[in-house]
Structures are given as C-alpha cells and as structure tokens.
Protein backbone atom coordinates (compact mmCIF):
# COMPACT_ATOMS: atom_id res chain seq x y z
CA MET A 1 112.99 82.52 147.97
CA THR A 2 114.26 86.22 147.87
CA ASN A 3 117.86 85.33 148.38
CA ILE A 4 118.33 84.66 144.68
CA ASN A 5 121.69 85.13 143.06
CA TRP A 6 120.54 87.17 140.17
CA MET A 7 123.87 87.51 138.63
CA SER A 8 124.43 83.69 138.52
CA GLU A 9 121.06 83.29 136.77
CA VAL A 10 122.10 85.86 134.07
CA GLU A 11 125.50 83.93 133.63
CA LYS A 12 123.64 80.70 133.10
CA ARG A 13 121.90 82.34 130.10
CA LYS A 14 124.83 84.48 128.84
CA ASP A 15 125.45 82.93 125.61
CA SER A 16 121.85 82.87 124.38
CA LEU A 17 121.44 86.49 125.65
CA ILE A 18 124.46 87.64 123.45
CA LYS A 19 123.21 85.65 120.47
CA ASP A 20 119.57 86.99 120.69
CA THR A 21 120.96 90.64 121.19
CA ARG A 22 123.18 90.34 118.11
CA GLU A 23 120.31 88.94 115.97
CA LEU A 24 118.12 91.76 116.93
CA LEU A 25 121.06 94.29 116.10
CA HIS A 26 121.34 92.76 112.67
CA ILE A 27 118.06 94.02 111.73
CA LYS A 28 118.15 97.52 110.07
CA SER A 29 115.12 98.81 111.98
CA LEU A 30 114.97 102.43 110.62
CA LEU A 31 111.76 104.41 110.09
CA ASP A 32 110.93 104.04 106.43
CA GLU A 33 107.52 105.54 105.54
CA GLU A 34 108.39 105.70 101.86
CA HIS A 35 108.21 102.00 101.57
CA ALA A 36 105.41 101.44 103.96
CA VAL A 37 102.92 98.56 103.36
CA PRO A 38 99.72 97.98 105.21
CA ASP A 39 101.20 95.41 107.57
CA ALA A 40 104.39 97.48 108.11
CA PRO A 41 103.04 101.14 108.21
CA LEU A 42 106.38 102.52 109.54
CA GLY A 43 108.50 100.44 107.20
CA LYS A 44 109.76 96.78 106.98
CA GLY A 45 112.77 97.17 109.21
CA VAL A 46 111.00 98.30 112.22
CA LYS A 47 108.25 95.73 111.76
CA GLU A 48 110.80 92.98 111.30
CA ALA A 49 112.34 93.95 114.62
CA LEU A 50 108.89 93.94 116.32
CA ASP A 51 108.15 90.59 114.82
CA PHE A 52 111.54 89.26 116.09
CA MET A 53 110.80 90.25 119.71
CA LEU A 54 107.13 88.89 119.49
CA ASN A 55 108.21 85.54 117.99
CA LEU A 56 111.09 85.18 120.63
CA GLY A 57 108.59 85.88 123.47
CA GLU A 58 105.98 83.37 122.06
CA LYS A 59 108.70 80.74 121.80
CA ASP A 60 109.59 81.44 125.53
CA GLY A 61 106.06 81.06 126.65
CA PHE A 62 105.10 84.76 127.05
CA THR A 63 101.67 86.04 125.74
CA PRO A 64 102.43 88.05 122.65
CA LYS A 65 100.28 90.77 121.12
CA ASN A 66 100.79 92.71 117.96
CA VAL A 67 98.98 96.11 118.31
CA GLY A 68 98.56 97.70 114.79
CA ASN A 69 101.84 96.50 113.51
CA VAL A 70 103.44 99.70 115.15
CA ALA A 71 103.86 98.29 118.72
CA GLY A 72 103.27 95.04 120.68
CA HIS A 73 103.71 93.38 124.02
CA LEU A 74 104.85 90.22 125.76
CA GLU A 75 103.18 89.44 128.98
CA PHE A 76 103.34 86.82 131.96
CA GLY A 77 102.00 86.57 135.44
CA GLU A 78 98.58 87.16 137.08
CA GLY A 79 97.04 90.02 139.09
CA LYS A 80 94.92 93.09 138.79
CA GLU A 81 97.90 95.55 138.46
CA LEU A 82 100.19 95.80 135.60
CA LEU A 83 103.90 96.38 135.67
CA GLY A 84 105.17 97.98 132.28
CA ILE A 85 108.66 97.73 130.92
CA LEU A 86 108.75 100.20 127.94
CA CYS A 87 111.30 99.39 125.18
CA HIS A 88 111.82 100.45 121.63
CA VAL A 89 113.32 98.50 118.63
CA ASP A 90 113.80 101.28 116.10
CA VAL A 91 117.13 103.11 115.74
CA VAL A 92 118.40 106.43 114.37
CA PRO A 93 120.17 106.39 110.95
CA GLU A 94 123.63 105.00 111.28
CA GLY A 95 125.48 108.01 109.98
CA ASP A 96 129.07 107.82 108.70
CA GLY A 97 132.56 106.80 109.91
CA TRP A 98 131.99 103.56 111.48
CA SER A 99 134.90 101.16 112.02
CA SER A 100 132.72 98.10 111.38
CA ASP A 101 129.31 97.40 109.80
CA PRO A 102 126.77 99.31 111.94
CA TYR A 103 124.42 96.40 111.77
CA GLY A 104 127.24 93.72 112.01
CA ALA A 105 127.03 93.61 115.85
CA GLU A 106 130.71 92.84 115.90
CA ILE A 107 132.26 91.89 119.33
CA ARG A 108 135.65 93.29 120.07
CA GLU A 109 137.30 94.35 123.41
CA GLY A 110 134.30 92.93 125.25
CA LYS A 111 131.91 95.29 123.53
CA ILE A 112 129.09 94.71 120.94
CA PHE A 113 129.35 97.41 118.31
CA ALA A 114 126.11 98.26 116.46
CA ARG A 115 123.51 100.99 115.86
CA GLY A 116 121.08 100.46 118.65
CA ALA A 117 123.50 98.52 120.93
CA LEU A 118 122.91 101.03 123.73
CA ASP A 119 119.68 102.62 122.42
CA ASP A 120 117.55 100.55 122.81
CA LYS A 121 118.05 96.97 121.49
CA GLY A 122 120.75 95.81 123.91
CA PRO A 123 118.78 97.16 127.01
CA THR A 124 115.53 95.69 125.45
CA MET A 125 117.15 92.30 125.28
CA ALA A 126 118.46 92.85 128.98
CA ALA A 127 115.04 93.46 130.12
CA TYR A 128 113.65 90.64 128.16
CA TYR A 129 115.99 88.24 129.65
CA ALA A 130 115.27 89.63 133.07
CA MET A 131 111.55 88.72 132.55
CA LYS A 132 112.59 85.28 131.30
CA ILE A 133 114.62 84.62 134.51
CA VAL A 134 111.72 85.72 136.75
CA LYS A 135 109.33 83.60 134.73
CA GLU A 136 111.56 80.49 134.55
CA LEU A 137 112.23 80.53 138.36
CA GLU A 138 108.44 80.52 138.76
CA LEU A 139 108.53 83.24 141.44
CA PRO A 140 105.28 84.33 143.07
CA LEU A 141 104.02 87.63 141.69
CA LYS A 142 101.11 89.74 142.61
CA LYS A 143 101.09 91.75 139.42
CA ARG A 144 101.24 90.99 135.62
CA VAL A 145 104.54 91.89 133.94
CA ARG A 146 104.31 93.41 130.45
CA MET A 147 107.08 94.29 128.09
CA ILE A 148 105.71 97.02 125.74
CA ILE A 149 107.72 97.46 122.56
CA GLY A 150 107.54 100.45 120.31
CA THR A 151 108.89 101.06 116.85
CA ASP A 152 108.73 104.94 116.49
CA GLU A 153 110.57 106.14 119.66
CA GLU A 154 113.19 107.97 117.74
CA SER A 155 110.60 110.05 115.69
CA ASN A 156 107.00 110.67 116.57
CA TRP A 157 105.97 108.18 119.16
CA ARG A 158 103.10 107.10 116.94
CA CYS A 159 103.71 103.48 118.32
CA VAL A 160 103.02 104.40 121.95
CA SER A 161 100.05 106.81 121.11
CA HIS A 162 98.47 104.05 119.21
CA TYR A 163 99.31 101.51 121.71
CA PHE A 164 97.76 103.21 124.53
CA GLU A 165 94.58 104.11 122.63
CA GLN A 166 93.99 100.35 122.47
CA GLU A 167 95.64 98.84 125.58
CA GLU A 168 95.64 99.48 129.34
CA MET A 169 98.04 101.83 131.00
CA PRO A 170 100.43 100.15 133.43
CA THR A 171 100.10 101.05 137.10
CA LEU A 172 103.85 101.64 137.30
CA GLY A 173 106.91 100.89 135.16
CA PHE A 174 110.34 101.69 133.88
CA ALA A 175 112.09 102.28 130.61
CA PRO A 176 115.56 100.72 130.11
CA ASP A 177 116.53 103.50 127.82
CA ALA A 178 118.87 106.13 129.58
CA ASP A 179 121.11 106.00 132.57
CA PHE A 180 121.51 104.32 135.91
CA PRO A 181 120.96 104.87 138.84
CA ILE A 182 117.39 106.32 138.32
CA ILE A 183 115.94 109.12 136.15
CA ASN A 184 112.82 110.56 137.95
CA ALA A 185 112.75 113.83 135.98
CA GLU A 186 112.60 114.36 132.18
CA LYS A 187 112.50 117.78 130.56
CA GLY A 188 109.74 118.78 128.28
CA ILE A 189 110.42 118.37 124.63
CA ALA A 190 109.13 120.89 122.19
CA ASP A 191 109.91 120.33 118.45
CA PHE A 192 109.17 122.95 115.84
CA ASP A 193 110.36 124.59 112.58
CA MET A 194 111.26 128.20 112.23
CA VAL A 195 110.42 129.30 108.79
CA GLN A 196 111.58 132.45 107.03
CA LYS A 197 108.47 134.42 105.87
CA LYS A 198 109.57 137.73 104.49
CA MET A 199 111.16 137.03 101.02
CA LEU A 200 112.17 139.96 98.90
CA GLN A 201 111.81 139.73 95.14
CA GLY A 202 113.90 141.59 92.66
CA GLU A 203 117.53 141.83 91.36
CA SER A 204 120.46 141.71 93.73
CA ASN A 205 124.00 142.86 93.23
CA ALA A 206 125.30 140.25 95.63
CA LYS A 207 128.81 138.83 94.92
CA VAL A 208 127.74 135.26 96.04
CA ASP A 209 124.39 133.45 95.37
CA VAL A 210 123.47 130.59 97.71
CA LEU A 211 121.69 128.21 95.41
CA ASN A 212 121.21 125.52 98.06
CA PHE A 213 122.15 124.83 101.64
CA VAL A 214 121.33 121.64 103.68
CA SER A 215 122.27 120.03 106.89
CA GLY A 216 120.80 117.47 109.30
CA LYS A 217 118.13 114.86 109.30
CA ARG A 218 116.49 114.77 112.77
CA TYR A 219 115.44 117.41 115.23
CA ASN A 220 117.05 115.36 118.11
CA MET A 221 120.50 114.95 116.53
CA VAL A 222 123.38 117.36 116.21
CA PRO A 223 124.00 117.47 112.37
CA ASP A 224 127.50 116.27 111.51
CA TYR A 225 127.37 117.25 107.82
CA ALA A 226 126.46 120.44 105.91
CA LYS A 227 126.78 121.41 102.38
CA ALA A 228 126.21 124.57 100.37
CA THR A 229 126.10 125.18 96.64
CA LEU A 230 127.09 128.74 95.73
CA PHE A 231 127.48 130.63 92.52
CA VAL A 232 130.38 133.22 93.04
CA LYS A 233 130.22 135.99 90.52
CA ASP A 234 133.74 136.99 90.67
CA ASN A 235 136.99 135.87 92.33
CA GLN A 236 135.99 132.34 93.41
CA LEU A 237 139.51 131.80 94.75
CA GLU A 238 138.99 134.57 97.33
CA THR A 239 135.78 132.78 98.73
CA ILE A 240 137.66 129.39 98.76
CA GLN A 241 140.56 131.03 100.71
CA GLU A 242 138.29 132.59 103.21
CA PHE A 243 136.47 129.30 103.66
CA LYS A 244 139.67 127.48 104.31
CA GLU A 245 140.75 129.99 106.85
CA PHE A 246 137.37 129.66 108.53
CA VAL A 247 137.34 125.89 108.90
CA LYS A 248 140.98 125.88 110.21
CA ASN A 249 140.24 128.49 112.65
CA PHE A 250 137.41 126.31 114.05
CA GLU A 251 139.35 123.05 113.56
CA LEU A 252 136.53 121.63 111.32
CA GLU A 253 136.99 118.93 108.71
CA SER A 254 135.74 120.26 105.32
CA GLY A 255 135.83 119.90 101.54
CA CYS A 256 135.41 122.41 98.67
CA HIS A 257 135.33 121.82 94.88
CA VAL A 258 134.00 123.38 91.74
CA GLU A 259 131.38 121.55 89.67
CA ASN A 260 129.83 123.00 86.43
CA GLY A 261 131.02 126.43 87.49
CA GLU A 262 129.33 126.19 91.02
CA LEU A 263 131.39 126.13 94.23
CA ILE A 264 130.45 123.31 96.70
CA LEU A 265 131.39 123.78 100.31
CA GLU A 266 131.07 120.92 102.81
CA VAL A 267 131.65 120.96 106.67
CA ARG A 268 131.83 117.82 108.80
CA GLY A 269 131.03 118.24 112.54
CA ILE A 270 130.35 115.78 115.30
CA SER A 271 127.02 114.28 115.82
CA ALA A 272 125.53 113.81 119.28
CA HIS A 273 122.05 113.58 120.84
CA GLY A 274 120.10 116.83 120.50
CA MET A 275 119.39 117.00 124.23
CA GLU A 276 122.89 118.37 124.86
CA PRO A 277 124.23 120.20 121.77
CA LYS A 278 127.47 120.96 123.48
CA ASN A 279 128.44 117.27 123.12
CA GLY A 280 128.51 117.75 119.37
CA LYS A 281 129.71 120.25 116.66
CA ASN A 282 126.86 121.50 114.65
CA ALA A 283 128.11 121.33 110.95
CA GLY A 284 124.99 123.32 109.79
CA VAL A 285 125.46 126.13 112.18
CA TYR A 286 129.18 126.51 111.46
CA LEU A 287 128.61 126.68 107.80
CA ALA A 288 125.73 129.17 108.31
CA GLU A 289 128.07 131.18 110.39
CA PHE A 290 130.62 131.18 107.46
CA LEU A 291 127.95 132.26 104.83
CA SER A 292 126.59 134.91 107.22
CA LYS A 293 129.85 136.95 106.63
CA GLN A 294 129.72 136.75 102.75
CA ASN A 295 128.28 139.25 100.39
CA LEU A 296 124.89 137.56 99.66
CA ASP A 297 121.51 138.85 98.45
CA GLU A 298 119.10 140.23 101.02
CA ASN A 299 117.10 136.96 101.61
CA ALA A 300 120.22 134.72 102.03
CA ILE A 301 121.94 137.24 104.27
CA HIS A 302 118.90 137.61 106.34
CA TYR A 303 118.55 133.75 106.87
CA PHE A 304 122.23 133.15 107.61
CA GLN A 305 122.62 136.07 109.92
CA PHE A 306 119.57 134.87 111.77
CA VAL A 307 121.15 131.54 112.31
CA SER A 308 124.41 133.18 113.34
CA ARG A 309 122.87 135.56 115.75
CA TYR A 310 120.72 133.18 117.73
CA PHE A 311 122.38 129.84 117.45
CA PHE A 312 126.19 130.16 116.81
CA ASN A 313 127.82 129.36 120.10
CA ASP A 314 124.39 129.44 121.96
CA SER A 315 122.43 126.33 122.72
CA ARG A 316 120.78 127.75 125.83
CA GLY A 317 118.34 130.25 124.23
CA LEU A 318 120.29 133.26 125.65
CA ASN A 319 120.16 135.36 122.48
CA LEU A 320 116.55 134.53 121.90
CA GLY A 321 115.74 135.56 125.43
CA VAL A 322 114.30 132.26 126.50
CA ALA A 323 117.06 130.89 128.75
CA TYR A 324 115.80 129.11 131.87
CA SER A 325 116.98 126.59 134.53
CA ASP A 326 115.80 124.94 137.68
CA ASP A 327 117.26 122.80 140.37
CA ILE A 328 115.25 119.63 139.41
CA SER A 329 116.26 119.42 135.79
CA GLY A 330 118.89 122.08 134.86
CA GLU A 331 118.97 124.32 131.91
CA LEU A 332 116.87 124.75 128.73
CA THR A 333 118.70 123.56 125.69
CA LEU A 334 118.02 124.25 121.88
CA ASN A 335 119.29 122.04 119.13
CA VAL A 336 119.14 123.15 115.50
CA GLY A 337 118.84 119.59 114.12
CA ILE A 338 117.74 120.40 110.45
CA LEU A 339 118.66 123.42 108.40
CA SER A 340 117.91 124.34 104.77
CA TYR A 341 117.91 127.31 102.47
CA THR A 342 117.09 127.66 98.64
CA LYS A 343 117.04 130.70 96.65
CA GLU A 344 113.42 129.95 95.61
CA THR A 345 111.82 128.98 99.03
CA GLY A 346 114.08 130.75 101.55
CA GLY A 347 115.24 129.16 104.77
CA ARG A 348 114.01 127.07 107.53
CA LEU A 349 115.31 125.48 110.90
CA GLY A 350 114.20 122.36 112.54
CA MET A 351 114.60 122.65 116.28
CA THR A 352 114.22 120.57 119.50
CA CYS A 353 113.91 122.60 122.65
CA ARG A 354 114.41 120.58 126.01
CA TYR A 355 112.94 122.59 128.81
CA PRO A 356 113.13 122.18 132.60
CA VAL A 357 110.24 120.67 134.50
CA THR A 358 109.07 124.00 136.06
CA ASN A 359 109.45 125.90 132.83
CA LYS A 360 106.12 126.94 131.30
CA MET A 361 106.33 126.26 127.53
CA ASP A 362 103.32 128.48 126.62
CA ALA A 363 105.22 131.55 128.00
CA THR A 364 108.44 130.56 126.22
CA LYS A 365 106.64 130.08 122.94
CA GLU A 366 104.92 133.43 123.30
CA LYS A 367 108.41 135.16 123.59
CA LEU A 368 109.63 133.41 120.64
CA ASP A 369 106.61 134.17 118.48
CA ASP A 370 107.01 137.91 119.43
CA LEU A 371 110.73 137.87 118.52
CA LEU A 372 110.20 135.89 115.24
CA VAL A 373 107.59 138.17 113.98
CA LYS A 374 110.17 141.00 114.12
CA GLU A 375 112.69 138.90 112.40
CA GLY A 376 110.47 137.77 109.56
CA PHE A 377 110.21 134.30 110.67
CA ALA A 378 107.29 132.09 112.03
CA ILE A 379 107.05 128.91 114.03
CA GLU A 380 105.41 125.84 112.24
CA ASN A 381 104.75 122.18 113.04
CA PHE A 382 104.82 122.87 116.78
CA SER A 383 104.64 119.80 119.00
CA ASP A 384 105.11 119.62 122.87
CA SER A 385 105.60 116.77 125.13
CA LYS A 386 105.14 118.00 128.73
CA PRO A 387 107.96 117.40 131.31
CA HIS A 388 107.74 114.35 133.59
CA HIS A 389 108.62 114.05 137.28
CA VAL A 390 108.09 111.26 139.85
CA ASP A 391 108.40 111.98 143.52
CA GLU A 392 111.22 110.26 145.45
CA LYS A 393 108.94 108.94 148.03
CA GLU A 394 106.89 106.64 145.67
CA PHE A 395 107.05 102.92 145.96
CA LEU A 396 108.55 102.62 142.39
CA ILE A 397 111.52 104.96 143.22
CA GLN A 398 112.14 103.35 146.70
CA THR A 399 112.21 99.84 145.24
CA LEU A 400 114.34 100.70 142.32
CA LYS A 401 116.82 102.42 144.76
CA LYS A 402 117.06 99.49 146.99
CA VAL A 403 117.56 97.07 144.11
CA TYR A 404 120.26 99.31 142.45
CA GLU A 405 122.13 99.64 145.78
CA GLU A 406 122.05 96.00 146.58
CA GLN A 407 123.24 94.99 143.10
CA THR A 408 125.99 97.60 142.65
CA GLY A 409 127.03 98.61 146.18
CA GLU A 410 126.71 102.28 145.00
CA LYS A 411 124.28 104.93 146.16
CA ALA A 412 121.32 105.34 144.03
CA GLU A 413 121.22 109.11 143.10
CA LEU A 414 118.19 110.44 141.30
CA LEU A 415 118.94 112.11 137.87
CA SER A 416 117.08 114.36 135.42
CA ILE A 417 117.70 114.22 131.62
CA GLY A 418 116.92 116.29 128.53
CA GLY A 419 116.18 113.25 126.53
CA GLY A 420 112.54 111.77 126.38
CA THR A 421 112.06 108.07 127.25
CA TYR A 422 108.80 106.14 127.07
CA ALA A 423 108.68 106.37 130.87
CA ARG A 424 106.91 109.78 130.40
CA SER A 425 103.80 107.98 129.13
CA LEU A 426 103.23 106.45 132.52
CA LYS A 427 102.06 108.61 135.55
CA SER A 428 104.33 106.49 137.70
CA GLY A 429 107.19 105.66 135.40
CA VAL A 430 110.96 106.36 135.30
CA ALA A 431 113.87 105.65 133.09
CA PHE A 432 116.18 103.00 134.68
CA GLY A 433 119.55 102.23 133.04
CA PRO A 434 121.37 100.71 131.06
CA LEU A 435 124.23 103.27 131.07
CA PHE A 436 126.24 102.91 134.18
CA PRO A 437 127.84 106.10 135.86
CA GLY A 438 131.19 106.98 134.25
CA ARG A 439 130.46 105.20 131.00
CA PRO A 440 130.49 107.40 127.84
CA ASP A 441 127.00 108.06 126.24
CA ILE A 442 127.56 106.94 122.60
CA ALA A 443 123.93 106.57 121.65
CA HIS A 444 123.27 108.17 118.25
CA GLN A 445 127.06 108.46 117.56
CA LYS A 446 129.20 106.29 115.24
CA ASP A 447 130.57 103.09 116.69
CA GLU A 448 127.84 102.91 119.25
CA TYR A 449 128.44 99.86 121.48
CA MET A 450 127.41 98.23 124.74
CA ASN A 451 129.77 96.70 127.17
CA ILE A 452 128.95 92.85 127.46
CA GLU A 453 129.71 93.09 131.14
CA ASP A 454 127.22 96.00 131.48
CA LEU A 455 124.61 94.18 129.49
CA LEU A 456 124.86 91.21 131.94
CA LYS A 457 124.92 93.50 135.07
CA ALA A 458 121.82 95.38 133.79
CA THR A 459 119.91 92.13 133.18
CA ALA A 460 120.56 91.07 136.85
CA ILE A 461 119.30 94.66 138.08
CA TYR A 462 116.24 94.41 135.90
CA ALA A 463 115.45 90.83 136.92
CA GLN A 464 115.55 91.79 140.60
CA ALA A 465 113.52 94.97 139.89
CA ILE A 466 110.85 93.20 138.02
CA TYR A 467 110.54 90.55 140.89
CA GLU A 468 110.37 93.20 143.70
CA LEU A 469 108.03 95.67 141.90
CA ALA A 470 105.71 92.86 140.77
CA GLN A 471 105.39 91.20 144.22
CA GLY A 472 105.47 94.41 146.29
CA GLU A 473 102.51 96.65 147.17
C-alpha cells in the first residue's frame, strides 16, 4: 500500500483545500487581550480561528478537543505513541502598505495573499489536509496522529504552555512553520526590556526637547515606523533641514510637519522578522540616530546616544560585547523591536536576542547587566526559551529526509534558524516546511502570500511524512 501517489491525492482535494485555506485566512486572528472574554481569553479573533479548525476537524471525523479556549487538537488513529503536528492560527498585526485586503485572501498570479498565508494558516491547512488524506485512505498506523493548534505563538506561547500542562507530550513531531528541507536546530530566544534608570532632574538649556518618541509593536518584528514629537526652542527650520538631509542620506521615507508649535518627525523603514534584523530597516533606530546628534537635554541625549552607540548598524551585539557564533546555528542577533521615550518617564527598548545553540545565555546576560549598570540602564521583563537541537541520526530526521528527497528529488539539507517554532516544545521535534528553498520569506511582511503550487506540494510531503512517521518504529 506504500506506493501511493500522494500528489494525485492532493490534486483530488485541491478545490476544497484552497476554499478552506481562504476561509481560515479571512479570520482576523490577532491577539486582543483588551477585549478578552472568559471563553476567549486571548481575544475573539484567535478563538474564532481555533473554533474554525476544531469544527472543520469534527465534520471530517477527527476527534476534536478544546483546551482552555487557548489551544486545541484534532486526533485520529490508534496506538500508544503520539505523533504531534504543531500549528498555530494567530497572526502578527497586518501593518501598512498592502496592495489588497490583508484578510481578503485574494488570489493572483497563482498566489494567495493574506496575513498568515505563510505563517502559519496556509501550512496549518496543508498539514490538516495531509492528515485528512491519510485518514481517508484508511492506511494502517501504529501511532495516534494529533494536530495541536495554538493561538498565541506570535507572542507569549501561553497556548502551548497551558496545553502541555493538561495534555500528553507527543513522542515525536514536526511544526509546519518555517523552511524546507528540515530545521533541526533553533536558536535560543531571550526577550527583555532595557530601561533607562538614571534620570536627572532640573532645568536644561537644550535647544530641542523630545516630548515623545515611539516605534514598534513587537519584540520579534523590525519596526517599520517611528515618530518623534519635539519642541524646538529656536530655528525650527534648521532642525527640519538637518532631518531632511539625514533621511535622504539613508534613503528613508519620512514626513515632518508642525502641529500646535510642535515639530513632528516620522520615519518609515522596512519591517521583517526580528530573527534577522538585516532583512529590514529599523525606523526606530534610524530616528534615534538622528536625535542622538541634536542638542537635547541630558536625559534625552543619554537615551538616544545609548541607542545609537549599541544598535545603529549593529545587530550582532558587537558593541555590547556579546557577539557569538557557532557552526550549528550561526550568529547571535539582537533586534530592537520596541522603542519609546518620554520627557517624564525616560526611555526603554524592547529586545529579542536570538542566540546560538552552544551559547550560554546566563553568561551573556551577566555581561549585559554589568555594561548596563555603567550606562544607567537595567534589564526588566527577561524571558528565555532555550535553544533546541535534534540529532541527525534520530528516526524523525531520517524519515523526513527520505520523504523530502522522494517528493522533491532534492537533497534534504539540515538547517538552523533564529526563529522559534512550536517544534522546540518537543524533545524530538523539528520544523519542517512550508517555505521551499529559493522562495522569499515574506512572513511578517506586507503582501504576505503562499504559492498555491507550494501549498499543494507541501500537503503531499506532509501526507507521506505523517504516514511514514506514524507507521514506523
């Protein structure tokens, strides 16, 4: 029974796969704790997307389970061991500049455009249809197969934490939430704030007052917009001229206007996933760099020069003295995802640090603490998710390599990433697709899309992988 043509099974279900994918993409599943209600503790949008998957699964004959309204699963098959497929239905904010409705799931040029098309609703539906194919073909399995669905992957992972407090841990599994061929190493992820502590009181004879400065919404995104509200005591035109020269020099989109006597400066950058800041242009860091050269009061100049000294043109921690790299997973990276300063409260930076699998975060944090004390800053809200690495010799990796090579005719190289996927919650778990080699990674960017051809190809790969993992030893 093993000589199944997986691709032709996918083709038979192509229309309903695309229809269901688009319906899931129409749901605006953003974290929204402000409007949380008891049966939707992380917001109605993410709960609606979770319900959509659980209802679809129930209709197709899977056993559904809602776990605390923040996660759930769909299961079929029998056996002592459990194969987990870890997906998520929450998305990052859509941002600006889309050429079509971010939740319209419009199809053009053979692609579905929507927030979440690639991360992670398209792949979730591919994995769902893969399970459906294996189930409908009534193939003999030795393990139970369970799709675990989270709703808080893009923020704090409360869904998986809560889920695994209640439910069993799969023996092995994969997350369709990154790149093909196979990701067997994920960097550690430390998120934290750097907060300005030393605030000087008293009169200043600064020429420019920074009343307010903000940029960014998420630790794990490069901010594409920054805004500063200034009070310029004399010669406002000179400041405007300097700003215009600065943005021209760095080829930045910008805006500046005067409102009630205050000068508003805006910078537009390019957003990207925080695991590789070099793929974006950090609007907040650029605007801070400009402000660091102005005649400001002591608190403001201290903050903006701090940002400039340690983060302008440096996403590798070189200036901070924490640069590190290894052969398994590459370089340590730092993304300044959230920046803010006000005259009253001072400044803060929200960071994500993606560090290599052999890097010891305790030692890195100690170095940072020592440096920040001298700089009048301190680390707050520190959280750390340890790196993850699965040995190439394991059954999971060997099986996925075989499946990938059979389906694509390409060699299955092992990769490492700076992003974190749900695979790291499993001892034997890897990220597996959906992005094929050579395709641009437009997750978290405007006009995010998934190629329909890739969606179908991934579904076939996942179907064979589920079958072989669930029937092998």
